[in-house]
Amino acid sequence: MVTIGLDLTHWPGHLAGQHLDARLTAEDGYTAEREYSIASAPGEPVAITVERLVPLRSILRHPPPRSG
């Protein structure tokens, strides 16, 4: 597990329990979206905790199967 700090401009702040949607777009237009829980306390800089890191190229080329 790793915690990543984010430097977000115009961030109004967050409340406990909120999440962050991260959307990535490949050069060919394919997009991948993931939801992350915010691991930092309200009033602190935004940080998310990621269970495992995979190369962005891998996410965009081989997206996980969609549920539902």
Protein backbone atom coordinates (compact mmCIF):
# COMPACT_ATOMS: atom_id res chain seq x y z
CA MET A 1 0.00 0.00 0.00
CA VAL A 2 1.23 3.51 -0.76
CA THR A 3 -0.12 6.97 0.04
CA ILE A 4 0.10 9.60 -2.68
CA GLY A 5 -0.16 13.31 -1.91
CA LEU A 6 -1.94 15.47 -4.48
CA ASP A 7 -1.42 19.15 -5.17
CA LEU A 8 -4.86 20.22 -6.41
CA THR A 9 -5.53 23.78 -7.46
CA HIS A 10 -8.89 25.27 -6.49
CA TRP A 11 -9.58 22.42 -4.02
CA PRO A 12 -12.36 23.64 -1.69
CA GLY A 13 -11.48 21.07 0.97
CA HIS A 14 -13.08 17.77 1.87
CA LEU A 15 -15.07 16.11 4.61
CA ALA A 16 -14.42 12.78 6.29
CA GLY A 17 -15.56 9.86 4.14
CA GLN A 18 -15.41 11.66 0.80
CA HIS A 19 -13.79 10.10 -2.26
CA LEU A 20 -11.97 11.31 -5.34
CA ASP A 21 -12.60 10.15 -8.92
CA ALA A 22 -9.45 9.99 -11.05
CA ARG A 23 -9.95 9.93 -14.81
CA LEU A 24 -7.06 9.09 -17.15
CA THR A 25 -7.16 9.50 -20.93
CA ALA A 26 -4.85 7.72 -23.39
CA GLU A 27 -3.61 9.29 -26.61
CA ASP A 28 -6.07 7.13 -28.59
CA GLY A 29 -9.00 8.54 -26.56
CA TYR A 30 -9.61 5.55 -24.28
CA THR A 31 -10.40 6.64 -20.73
CA ALA A 32 -10.12 4.80 -17.44
CA GLU A 33 -11.72 6.00 -14.22
CA ARG A 34 -11.00 4.87 -10.67
CA GLU A 35 -12.47 5.94 -7.33
CA TYR A 36 -10.17 6.52 -4.35
CA SER A 37 -10.98 7.23 -0.72
CA ILE A 38 -9.29 10.34 0.64
CA ALA A 39 -6.87 9.20 3.32
CA SER A 40 -6.09 12.63 4.82
CA ALA A 41 -8.06 14.37 7.55
CA PRO A 42 -10.25 17.37 6.69
CA GLY A 43 -8.14 20.52 6.60
CA GLU A 44 -4.99 18.58 5.64
CA PRO A 45 -3.49 18.32 2.11
CA VAL A 46 -5.27 15.72 -0.02
CA ALA A 47 -3.76 12.24 0.00
CA ILE A 48 -5.11 8.98 -1.39
CA THR A 49 -4.08 5.46 -0.46
CA VAL A 50 -3.51 3.00 -3.30
CA GLU A 51 -3.28 -0.73 -2.65
CA ARG A 52 -0.97 -1.40 -5.58
CA LEU A 53 0.59 0.69 -8.27
CA VAL A 54 0.48 -0.43 -11.88
CA PRO A 55 1.93 1.39 -14.86
CA LEU A 56 -0.53 3.85 -16.41
CA ARG A 57 0.11 2.22 -19.77
CA SER A 58 -1.08 -1.10 -18.31
CA ILE A 59 -4.33 0.42 -16.99
CA LEU A 60 -5.14 2.09 -20.29
CA ARG A 61 -4.32 -0.96 -22.42
CA HIS A 62 -5.89 -3.59 -20.17
CA PRO A 63 -8.75 -2.11 -18.16
CA PRO A 64 -10.29 -4.33 -15.50
CA PRO A 65 -13.65 -5.91 -16.43
CA ARG A 66 -16.63 -3.71 -15.68
CA SER A 67 -19.01 -4.98 -13.06
CA GLY A 68 -22.77 -4.78 -13.38
